[in-house]
N, C-alpha and C. Protein backbone atom coordinates (compact mmCIF):
# COMPACT_ATOMS: atom_id res chain seq x y z
N MET A 1 -55.90 5.71 80.30
CA MET A 1 -56.18 5.02 81.54
C MET A 1 -56.30 6.05 82.67
N VAL A 2 -57.36 5.96 83.44
CA VAL A 2 -57.59 6.86 84.57
C VAL A 2 -56.94 6.27 85.80
N ARG A 3 -56.16 7.07 86.52
CA ARG A 3 -55.49 6.59 87.73
C ARG A 3 -56.18 7.14 88.96
N MET A 4 -56.46 6.26 89.91
CA MET A 4 -57.04 6.65 91.18
C MET A 4 -55.91 6.57 92.20
N GLN A 5 -55.17 7.63 92.35
CA GLN A 5 -54.01 7.59 93.21
C GLN A 5 -54.40 7.48 94.67
N GLY A 6 -53.84 6.46 95.33
CA GLY A 6 -54.06 6.29 96.75
C GLY A 6 -55.43 5.79 97.14
N SER A 7 -56.23 5.35 96.16
CA SER A 7 -57.57 4.87 96.52
C SER A 7 -57.93 3.65 95.68
N GLU A 8 -58.79 2.85 96.24
CA GLU A 8 -59.28 1.67 95.55
C GLU A 8 -60.75 1.52 95.89
N ALA A 9 -61.57 1.26 94.90
CA ALA A 9 -62.99 1.08 95.14
C ALA A 9 -63.23 -0.31 95.71
N ILE A 10 -63.92 -0.36 96.84
CA ILE A 10 -64.26 -1.62 97.50
C ILE A 10 -65.77 -1.66 97.68
N GLY A 11 -66.40 -2.67 97.12
CA GLY A 11 -67.85 -2.79 97.22
C GLY A 11 -68.28 -3.36 98.55
N GLY A 12 -69.46 -2.97 98.97
CA GLY A 12 -69.98 -3.49 100.23
C GLY A 12 -71.27 -2.81 100.63
N GLN A 13 -71.63 -2.97 101.89
CA GLN A 13 -72.85 -2.38 102.42
C GLN A 13 -72.51 -1.43 103.56
N LEU A 14 -73.26 -0.33 103.61
CA LEU A 14 -73.06 0.69 104.64
C LEU A 14 -74.27 0.66 105.57
N HIS A 15 -74.01 0.53 106.87
CA HIS A 15 -75.08 0.47 107.88
C HIS A 15 -74.87 1.59 108.89
N VAL A 16 -75.97 2.18 109.35
CA VAL A 16 -75.92 3.19 110.41
C VAL A 16 -76.67 2.63 111.60
N THR A 17 -76.00 2.59 112.77
CA THR A 17 -76.64 2.15 114.00
C THR A 17 -76.77 3.35 114.93
N ASN A 18 -77.21 3.12 116.14
CA ASN A 18 -77.32 4.21 117.12
C ASN A 18 -75.96 4.73 117.56
N TYR A 19 -74.90 3.93 117.36
CA TYR A 19 -73.58 4.27 117.87
C TYR A 19 -72.50 4.47 116.82
N ARG A 20 -72.69 3.89 115.63
CA ARG A 20 -71.62 3.93 114.65
C ARG A 20 -72.10 3.76 113.22
N LEU A 21 -71.19 4.05 112.30
CA LEU A 21 -71.36 3.81 110.88
C LEU A 21 -70.50 2.59 110.57
N VAL A 22 -71.07 1.56 109.98
CA VAL A 22 -70.35 0.31 109.73
C VAL A 22 -70.36 0.00 108.24
N PHE A 23 -69.17 -0.23 107.67
CA PHE A 23 -69.05 -0.65 106.28
C PHE A 23 -68.58 -2.09 106.28
N CYS A 24 -69.33 -2.97 105.61
CA CYS A 24 -68.97 -4.38 105.47
C CYS A 24 -68.72 -4.67 104.00
N SER A 25 -67.49 -5.05 103.66
CA SER A 25 -67.14 -5.28 102.26
C SER A 25 -67.71 -6.61 101.77
N HIS A 26 -67.94 -6.68 100.44
CA HIS A 26 -68.40 -7.92 99.82
C HIS A 26 -67.25 -8.92 99.80
N PHE A 27 -67.58 -10.20 99.81
CA PHE A 27 -66.57 -11.26 99.83
C PHE A 27 -65.74 -11.30 98.55
N ALA A 28 -66.24 -10.73 97.45
CA ALA A 28 -65.54 -10.81 96.17
C ALA A 28 -64.42 -9.77 96.03
N ASN A 29 -64.28 -8.87 96.97
CA ASN A 29 -63.23 -7.85 96.91
C ASN A 29 -61.86 -8.43 97.25
N ARG A 30 -60.82 -7.74 96.79
CA ARG A 30 -59.45 -8.12 97.15
C ARG A 30 -59.25 -7.91 98.65
N ALA A 31 -59.76 -6.81 99.16
CA ALA A 31 -59.70 -6.50 100.59
C ALA A 31 -61.09 -6.73 101.18
N THR A 32 -61.19 -7.61 102.16
CA THR A 32 -62.48 -7.89 102.79
C THR A 32 -62.41 -7.56 104.27
N GLY A 33 -63.57 -7.38 104.84
CA GLY A 33 -63.64 -7.11 106.27
C GLY A 33 -64.69 -6.08 106.61
N ARG A 34 -64.56 -5.53 107.81
CA ARG A 34 -65.53 -4.56 108.35
C ARG A 34 -64.77 -3.34 108.83
N PHE A 35 -65.37 -2.17 108.61
CA PHE A 35 -64.77 -0.90 109.00
C PHE A 35 -65.81 -0.11 109.78
N THR A 36 -65.43 0.47 110.92
CA THR A 36 -66.36 1.18 111.78
C THR A 36 -65.89 2.60 112.07
N ILE A 37 -66.84 3.55 112.03
CA ILE A 37 -66.57 4.92 112.46
C ILE A 37 -67.62 5.24 113.53
N PHE A 38 -67.19 5.53 114.74
CA PHE A 38 -68.13 5.87 115.80
C PHE A 38 -68.74 7.24 115.53
N LEU A 39 -70.04 7.38 115.74
CA LEU A 39 -70.76 8.61 115.40
C LEU A 39 -70.19 9.87 116.05
N PRO A 40 -69.76 9.86 117.33
CA PRO A 40 -69.22 11.08 117.92
C PRO A 40 -67.93 11.58 117.25
N VAL A 41 -67.23 10.72 116.52
CA VAL A 41 -65.98 11.09 115.86
C VAL A 41 -66.24 11.81 114.52
N ILE A 42 -67.42 11.62 113.95
CA ILE A 42 -67.74 12.21 112.65
C ILE A 42 -67.93 13.71 112.80
N SER A 43 -67.16 14.47 112.00
CA SER A 43 -67.24 15.93 112.06
C SER A 43 -68.05 16.52 110.92
N GLY A 44 -68.32 15.73 109.88
CA GLY A 44 -69.11 16.25 108.77
C GLY A 44 -69.56 15.16 107.83
N VAL A 45 -70.72 15.36 107.22
CA VAL A 45 -71.25 14.46 106.21
C VAL A 45 -71.82 15.34 105.10
N ARG A 46 -71.44 15.04 103.85
CA ARG A 46 -72.01 15.82 102.75
C ARG A 46 -72.25 14.94 101.54
N ASP A 47 -73.19 15.36 100.74
CA ASP A 47 -73.55 14.67 99.51
C ASP A 47 -72.61 15.12 98.41
N THR A 48 -71.82 14.20 97.86
CA THR A 48 -70.90 14.53 96.77
C THR A 48 -71.32 13.81 95.49
N SER A 49 -72.62 13.55 95.34
CA SER A 49 -73.15 12.85 94.18
C SER A 49 -72.97 13.66 92.92
N TRP A 50 -72.85 12.95 91.80
CA TRP A 50 -72.84 13.59 90.49
C TRP A 50 -73.43 12.61 89.49
N GLY A 51 -74.26 13.15 88.59
CA GLY A 51 -74.95 12.28 87.65
C GLY A 51 -75.87 11.32 88.37
N ILE A 52 -75.79 10.04 88.00
CA ILE A 52 -76.61 9.03 88.66
C ILE A 52 -75.87 8.36 89.82
N LYS A 53 -74.62 8.72 90.01
CA LYS A 53 -73.80 8.12 91.08
C LYS A 53 -74.06 8.82 92.41
N ARG A 54 -74.55 8.09 93.41
CA ARG A 54 -74.83 8.64 94.73
C ARG A 54 -73.62 8.42 95.63
N GLN A 55 -73.00 9.50 96.08
CA GLN A 55 -71.83 9.43 96.94
C GLN A 55 -72.05 10.21 98.22
N ILE A 56 -71.50 9.69 99.30
CA ILE A 56 -71.57 10.34 100.60
C ILE A 56 -70.14 10.49 101.11
N GLU A 57 -69.77 11.70 101.47
CA GLU A 57 -68.44 11.95 102.02
C GLU A 57 -68.57 12.12 103.54
N VAL A 58 -67.82 11.32 104.29
CA VAL A 58 -67.85 11.36 105.75
C VAL A 58 -66.47 11.83 106.21
N SER A 59 -66.44 12.88 107.04
CA SER A 59 -65.18 13.44 107.52
C SER A 59 -65.05 13.26 109.03
N THR A 60 -63.80 12.99 109.44
CA THR A 60 -63.44 13.02 110.86
C THR A 60 -62.33 14.06 110.98
N ARG A 61 -61.78 14.23 112.16
CA ARG A 61 -60.70 15.21 112.31
C ARG A 61 -59.47 14.84 111.50
N THR A 62 -59.24 13.56 111.28
CA THR A 62 -58.00 13.13 110.62
C THR A 62 -58.18 12.45 109.27
N HIS A 63 -59.39 12.02 108.93
CA HIS A 63 -59.61 11.28 107.69
C HIS A 63 -60.86 11.74 106.96
N GLN A 64 -60.89 11.38 105.68
CA GLN A 64 -62.06 11.67 104.85
C GLN A 64 -62.37 10.39 104.06
N PHE A 65 -63.62 9.95 104.12
CA PHE A 65 -64.04 8.72 103.48
C PHE A 65 -65.15 9.02 102.48
N THR A 66 -65.14 8.34 101.34
CA THR A 66 -66.20 8.50 100.36
C THR A 66 -66.86 7.15 100.16
N PHE A 67 -68.17 7.11 100.33
CA PHE A 67 -68.95 5.89 100.15
C PHE A 67 -69.89 6.09 98.97
N VAL A 68 -69.95 5.10 98.08
CA VAL A 68 -70.90 5.11 96.97
C VAL A 68 -72.13 4.36 97.44
N ALA A 69 -73.28 5.01 97.39
CA ALA A 69 -74.51 4.45 97.94
C ALA A 69 -75.53 4.25 96.82
N TRP A 70 -75.37 3.18 96.06
CA TRP A 70 -76.30 2.88 94.97
C TRP A 70 -77.66 2.48 95.53
N GLY A 71 -78.71 2.87 94.83
CA GLY A 71 -80.05 2.48 95.22
C GLY A 71 -80.68 3.37 96.28
N SER A 72 -79.97 4.37 96.75
CA SER A 72 -80.55 5.26 97.76
C SER A 72 -81.21 6.45 97.05
N PRO A 73 -82.32 6.93 97.58
CA PRO A 73 -82.98 8.08 96.97
C PRO A 73 -82.18 9.36 97.20
N ARG A 74 -82.42 10.34 96.40
CA ARG A 74 -81.74 11.63 96.53
C ARG A 74 -81.96 12.15 97.91
């Protein structure tokens, strides 16, 4: 059994606006809701994809978030 310590995969949609990055979780998740990161707070974005899995890592001064972006081109 593989353990994901301190993390849980939550499905949803990722949107980028002129002011922020918004993640909206799917209704079928255990945890539902909306999460926002304002663009000026973001200190780094990098592609952490491997294989066919498309991942985007977003960093702020205090946190690091990983989003899985299925269906997006390389």
